[in-house]
Amino acid sequence: MATVSRCGARSASPTRARAGVATTERITNGTIHWDDLSLRDGYGGIKAMLQGGRATDLLGVAYVANHPEGRTRYLLHHLGFTDSGTGSLGQPAKAIIELLAKLFAQPVEKSIQPIIDLMDDPPAGRLLAYDRRTPLPTSLPTLDPAVAQRLYDRARHLLTADSRA
């Protein structure tokens, strides 16, 4: 299982752009629960993971759109089924996922290699989407700029309101 994470890297070179990497569950799956962003009602681990992945993708789309002169580049990347641990799971889910991971998952070291390769030799563009080693169009319906802007505005509002509290 991949986890949603973000990291930024700043190069010592003034000509190299910063990179933002977002690893997501599936660039084509997940939905935003607009009426319950924190998933207080009906929380489930898979539901949260998919919403988190979708939000990460959309915020990458919105960031690039809202900062047209920026140097930060976003790579939205689906690692595929990765054996990244089952520590947060209870039984019997833990045993089932461990068995499936032994049969079908890649080790973390292998799953992250495409990201390392893309960061070492990045293609043109500020927003890149990949499913493992396959480039995806950033025009996918799940990367809709209007939906991305809606989430960006909502997140900015929540963060601003939280900082005033």
C-alpha atoms as a PDB file:
ATOM      1  CA  MET A   1       0.000   0.000   0.000  1.00  0.00           C
ATOM      2  CA  ALA A   2       1.251   3.446  -0.812  1.00  0.00           C
ATOM      3  CA  THR A   3       0.668   6.203   1.642  1.00  0.00           C
ATOM      4  CA  VAL A   4      -0.110   9.785   0.834  1.00  0.00           C
ATOM      5  CA  SER A   5       2.962  11.851   1.425  1.00  0.00           C
ATOM      6  CA  ARG A   6       4.484  15.090   0.283  1.00  0.00           C
ATOM      7  CA  CYS A   7       8.056  16.141   0.250  1.00  0.00           C
ATOM      8  CA  GLY A   8       9.865  19.109  -1.151  1.00  0.00           C
ATOM      9  CA  ALA A   9      13.426  19.253  -2.317  1.00  0.00           C
ATOM     10  CA  ARG A  10      15.341  22.414  -2.980  1.00  0.00           C
ATOM     11  CA  SER A  11      18.374  22.233  -5.179  1.00  0.00           C
ATOM     12  CA  ALA A  12      21.508  24.225  -4.409  1.00  0.00           C
ATOM     13  CA  SER A  13      21.454  25.347  -8.035  1.00  0.00           C
ATOM     14  CA  PRO A  14      19.427  28.549  -8.610  1.00  0.00           C
ATOM     15  CA  THR A  15      18.358  27.240 -12.025  1.00  0.00           C
ATOM     16  CA  ARG A  16      16.838  23.978 -10.783  1.00  0.00           C
ATOM     17  CA  ALA A  17      13.246  24.029  -9.726  1.00  0.00           C
ATOM     18  CA  ARG A  18      11.923  22.732  -6.452  1.00  0.00           C
ATOM     19  CA  ALA A  19      10.111  19.446  -6.672  1.00  0.00           C
ATOM     20  CA  GLY A  20       6.958  18.381  -4.895  1.00  0.00           C
ATOM     21  CA  VAL A  21       6.151  14.683  -4.950  1.00  0.00           C
ATOM     22  CA  ALA A  22       2.751  13.336  -4.102  1.00  0.00           C
ATOM     23  CA  THR A  23       2.352   9.582  -3.965  1.00  0.00           C
ATOM     24  CA  THR A  24      -1.269   8.643  -4.250  1.00  0.00           C
ATOM     25  CA  GLU A  25      -3.393   5.531  -4.130  1.00  0.00           C
ATOM     26  CA  ARG A  26      -4.726   5.926  -7.662  1.00  0.00           C
ATOM     27  CA  ILE A  27      -4.752   9.052  -9.755  1.00  0.00           C
ATOM     28  CA  THR A  28      -8.090   7.924 -11.193  1.00  0.00           C
ATOM     29  CA  ASN A  29      -9.813   6.849  -7.937  1.00  0.00           C
ATOM     30  CA  GLY A  30     -11.129   8.556  -4.838  1.00  0.00           C
ATOM     31  CA  THR A  31     -13.623  11.292  -4.188  1.00  0.00           C
ATOM     32  CA  ILE A  32     -13.834  14.395  -2.051  1.00  0.00           C
ATOM     33  CA  HIS A  33     -16.611  14.268   0.540  1.00  0.00           C
ATOM     34  CA  TRP A  34     -17.397  17.975   0.431  1.00  0.00           C
ATOM     35  CA  ASP A  35     -20.004  17.816   3.182  1.00  0.00           C
ATOM     36  CA  ASP A  36     -17.614  15.968   5.520  1.00  0.00           C
ATOM     37  CA  LEU A  37     -13.983  16.738   4.644  1.00  0.00           C
ATOM     38  CA  SER A  38     -12.692  15.318   7.929  1.00  0.00           C
ATOM     39  CA  LEU A  39     -14.797  12.155   7.483  1.00  0.00           C
ATOM     40  CA  ARG A  40     -16.296  12.432  10.966  1.00  0.00           C
ATOM     41  CA  ASP A  41     -19.379  10.545   9.795  1.00  0.00           C
ATOM     42  CA  GLY A  42     -18.754   7.158   8.252  1.00  0.00           C
ATOM     43  CA  TYR A  43     -14.960   7.116   8.608  1.00  0.00           C
ATOM     44  CA  GLY A  44     -13.181   4.171   7.056  1.00  0.00           C
ATOM     45  CA  GLY A  45      -9.494   3.622   6.407  1.00  0.00           C
ATOM     46  CA  ILE A  46      -9.912   2.987   2.681  1.00  0.00           C
ATOM     47  CA  LYS A  47     -12.304   5.921   2.321  1.00  0.00           C
ATOM     48  CA  ALA A  48      -9.824   8.218   4.073  1.00  0.00           C
ATOM     49  CA  MET A  49      -6.908   6.910   2.014  1.00  0.00           C
ATOM     50  CA  LEU A  50      -8.768   7.470  -1.259  1.00  0.00           C
ATOM     51  CA  GLN A  51      -9.970  10.937  -0.253  1.00  0.00           C
ATOM     52  CA  GLY A  52      -6.460  11.864   0.880  1.00  0.00           C
ATOM     53  CA  GLY A  53      -5.038  10.710  -2.438  1.00  0.00           C
ATOM     54  CA  ARG A  54      -7.650  12.648  -4.396  1.00  0.00           C
ATOM     55  CA  ALA A  55      -7.069  15.778  -2.296  1.00  0.00           C
ATOM     56  CA  THR A  56      -3.307  15.544  -2.768  1.00  0.00           C
ATOM     57  CA  ASP A  57      -3.729  15.261  -6.535  1.00  0.00           C
ATOM     58  CA  LEU A  58      -6.163  18.173  -6.696  1.00  0.00           C
ATOM     59  CA  LEU A  59      -4.039  20.420  -4.494  1.00  0.00           C
ATOM     60  CA  GLY A  60      -1.083  19.784  -6.805  1.00  0.00           C
ATOM     61  CA  VAL A  61      -3.219  20.825  -9.799  1.00  0.00           C
ATOM     62  CA  ALA A  62      -4.424  23.948  -7.965  1.00  0.00           C
ATOM     63  CA  TYR A  63      -0.979  24.890  -6.703  1.00  0.00           C
ATOM     64  CA  VAL A  64       0.456  24.965 -10.211  1.00  0.00           C
ATOM     65  CA  ALA A  65      -2.550  26.967 -11.482  1.00  0.00           C
ATOM     66  CA  ASN A  66      -2.388  29.479  -8.612  1.00  0.00           C
ATOM     67  CA  HIS A  67       1.357  30.016  -8.887  1.00  0.00           C
ATOM     68  CA  PRO A  68       1.955  30.299 -12.657  1.00  0.00           C
ATOM     69  CA  GLU A  69       5.347  31.954 -12.203  1.00  0.00           C
ATOM     70  CA  GLY A  70       6.479  29.461  -9.560  1.00  0.00           C
ATOM     71  CA  ARG A  71       9.353  27.063  -9.996  1.00  0.00           C
ATOM     72  CA  THR A  72       7.834  24.224  -7.975  1.00  0.00           C
ATOM     73  CA  ARG A  73       7.003  21.198 -10.078  1.00  0.00           C
ATOM     74  CA  TYR A  74       4.517  18.573  -8.938  1.00  0.00           C
ATOM     75  CA  LEU A  75       4.791  14.888  -9.659  1.00  0.00           C
ATOM     76  CA  LEU A  76       1.602  12.965  -8.925  1.00  0.00           C
ATOM     77  CA  HIS A  77       2.676   9.354  -8.765  1.00  0.00           C
ATOM     78  CA  HIS A  78       0.869   6.094  -8.106  1.00  0.00           C
ATOM     79  CA  LEU A  79       3.371   3.537  -6.848  1.00  0.00           C
ATOM     80  CA  GLY A  80       1.246   0.453  -7.368  1.00  0.00           C
ATOM     81  CA  PHE A  81       0.721  -2.121  -4.632  1.00  0.00           C
ATOM     82  CA  THR A  82       3.679  -1.591  -2.316  1.00  0.00           C
ATOM     83  CA  ASP A  83       4.598  -3.638   0.739  1.00  0.00           C
ATOM     84  CA  SER A  84       4.914  -0.685   3.103  1.00  0.00           C
ATOM     85  CA  GLY A  85       3.694  -2.394   6.248  1.00  0.00           C
ATOM     86  CA  THR A  86       0.495  -3.285   8.023  1.00  0.00           C
ATOM     87  CA  GLY A  87       1.186  -1.920  11.490  1.00  0.00           C
ATOM     88  CA  SER A  88      -2.005   0.117  11.653  1.00  0.00           C
ATOM     89  CA  LEU A  89      -4.288  -2.759  10.719  1.00  0.00           C
ATOM     90  CA  GLY A  90      -6.098  -5.115  13.013  1.00  0.00           C
ATOM     91  CA  GLN A  91      -6.750  -8.800  12.408  1.00  0.00           C
ATOM     92  CA  PRO A  92      -7.936 -10.353  10.136  1.00  0.00           C
ATOM     93  CA  ALA A  93      -7.200  -7.488   7.685  1.00  0.00           C
ATOM     94  CA  LYS A  94      -3.534  -7.469   8.695  1.00  0.00           C
ATOM     95  CA  ALA A  95      -3.032 -11.160   7.859  1.00  0.00           C
ATOM     96  CA  ILE A  96      -4.911 -10.834   4.563  1.00  0.00           C
ATOM     97  CA  ILE A  97      -2.918  -7.771   3.436  1.00  0.00           C
ATOM     98  CA  GLU A  98       0.367  -9.402   4.491  1.00  0.00           C
ATOM     99  CA  LEU A  99      -0.476 -12.468   2.400  1.00  0.00           C
ATOM    100  CA  LEU A 100      -1.513 -10.359  -0.601  1.00  0.00           C
ATOM    101  CA  ALA A 101       1.648  -8.277  -0.231  1.00  0.00           C
ATOM    102  CA  LYS A 102       3.824 -11.401  -0.302  1.00  0.00           C
ATOM    103  CA  LEU A 103       2.102 -12.527  -3.491  1.00  0.00           C
ATOM    104  CA  PHE A 104       1.615  -9.273  -5.394  1.00  0.00           C
ATOM    105  CA  ALA A 105       3.276  -6.228  -3.830  1.00  0.00           C
ATOM    106  CA  GLN A 106       6.591  -4.662  -4.695  1.00  0.00           C
ATOM    107  CA  PRO A 107       9.108  -3.762  -2.013  1.00  0.00           C
ATOM    108  CA  VAL A 108       9.357  -0.050  -1.216  1.00  0.00           C
ATOM    109  CA  GLU A 109      12.822   0.180  -2.787  1.00  0.00           C
ATOM    110  CA  LYS A 110      11.472  -1.030  -6.130  1.00  0.00           C
ATOM    111  CA  SER A 111       8.278   1.059  -5.958  1.00  0.00           C
ATOM    112  CA  ILE A 112      10.105   4.342  -5.438  1.00  0.00           C
ATOM    113  CA  GLN A 113      12.661   3.838  -8.237  1.00  0.00           C
ATOM    114  CA  PRO A 114      10.430   5.441 -10.922  1.00  0.00           C
ATOM    115  CA  ILE A 115      10.126   8.558  -8.722  1.00  0.00           C
ATOM    116  CA  ILE A 116      13.891   8.733  -8.285  1.00  0.00           C
ATOM    117  CA  ASP A 117      14.369   8.328 -12.039  1.00  0.00           C
ATOM    118  CA  LEU A 118      11.849  11.097 -12.804  1.00  0.00           C
ATOM    119  CA  MET A 119      13.440  13.452 -10.293  1.00  0.00           C
ATOM    120  CA  ASP A 120      16.914  12.755 -11.689  1.00  0.00           C
ATOM    121  CA  ASP A 121      15.773  13.394 -15.264  1.00  0.00           C
ATOM    122  CA  PRO A 122      12.413  15.216 -15.127  1.00  0.00           C
ATOM    123  CA  PRO A 123      10.298  15.630 -18.234  1.00  0.00           C
ATOM    124  CA  ALA A 124       9.093  19.114 -19.171  1.00  0.00           C
ATOM    125  CA  GLY A 125       6.110  20.566 -17.366  1.00  0.00           C
ATOM    126  CA  ARG A 126       5.193  21.722 -13.891  1.00  0.00           C
ATOM    127  CA  LEU A 127       2.475  19.126 -13.305  1.00  0.00           C
ATOM    128  CA  LEU A 128       3.273  15.512 -14.120  1.00  0.00           C
ATOM    129  CA  ALA A 129       1.090  12.471 -13.483  1.00  0.00           C
ATOM    130  CA  TYR A 130       2.322   8.879 -13.578  1.00  0.00           C
ATOM    131  CA  ASP A 131       1.006   5.438 -12.785  1.00  0.00           C
ATOM    132  CA  ARG A 132       4.233   3.599 -12.007  1.00  0.00           C
ATOM    133  CA  ARG A 133       6.295   4.290 -15.164  1.00  0.00           C
ATOM    134  CA  THR A 134       3.375   5.235 -17.401  1.00  0.00           C
ATOM    135  CA  PRO A 135       2.719   8.951 -17.968  1.00  0.00           C
ATOM    136  CA  LEU A 136      -0.906   9.995 -17.586  1.00  0.00           C
ATOM    137  CA  PRO A 137      -2.581  13.033 -19.128  1.00  0.00           C
ATOM    138  CA  THR A 138      -3.140  15.864 -16.659  1.00  0.00           C
ATOM    139  CA  SER A 139      -6.483  16.383 -18.408  1.00  0.00           C
ATOM    140  CA  LEU A 140      -7.967  13.360 -16.593  1.00  0.00           C
ATOM    141  CA  PRO A 141     -11.440  14.119 -15.178  1.00  0.00           C
ATOM    142  CA  THR A 142     -10.108  13.376 -11.674  1.00  0.00           C
ATOM    143  CA  LEU A 143      -7.640  16.269 -12.077  1.00  0.00           C
ATOM    144  CA  ASP A 144     -10.354  18.790 -12.987  1.00  0.00           C
ATOM    145  CA  PRO A 145      -9.010  22.349 -12.499  1.00  0.00           C
ATOM    146  CA  ALA A 146     -12.379  23.694 -11.259  1.00  0.00           C
ATOM    147  CA  VAL A 147     -12.651  20.982  -8.593  1.00  0.00           C
ATOM    148  CA  ALA A 148      -8.997  21.545  -7.716  1.00  0.00           C
ATOM    149  CA  GLN A 149      -9.609  25.269  -7.246  1.00  0.00           C
ATOM    150  CA  ARG A 150     -12.648  24.588  -5.066  1.00  0.00           C
ATOM    151  CA  LEU A 151     -10.559  22.395  -2.746  1.00  0.00           C
ATOM    152  CA  TYR A 152      -7.650  24.864  -2.767  1.00  0.00           C
ATOM    153  CA  ASP A 153      -9.989  27.707  -1.764  1.00  0.00           C
ATOM    154  CA  ARG A 154     -11.597  25.574   0.953  1.00  0.00           C
ATOM    155  CA  ALA A 155      -8.222  24.501   2.348  1.00  0.00           C
ATOM    156  CA  ARG A 156      -6.904  28.067   2.286  1.00  0.00           C
ATOM    157  CA  HIS A 157     -10.040  29.264   4.101  1.00  0.00           C
ATOM    158  CA  LEU A 158      -9.731  26.541   6.745  1.00  0.00           C
ATOM    159  CA  LEU A 159      -6.035  27.205   7.272  1.00  0.00           C
ATOM    160  CA  THR A 160      -6.585  30.954   7.526  1.00  0.00           C
ATOM    161  CA  ALA A 161      -9.476  30.506   9.965  1.00  0.00           C
ATOM    162  CA  ASP A 162      -7.403  28.057  12.021  1.00  0.00           C
ATOM    163  CA  SER A 163      -4.455  30.443  12.249  1.00  0.00           C
ATOM    164  CA  ARG A 164      -6.728  33.170  13.649  1.00  0.00           C
ATOM    165  CA  ALA A 165      -8.176  30.906  16.337  1.00  0.00           C
END
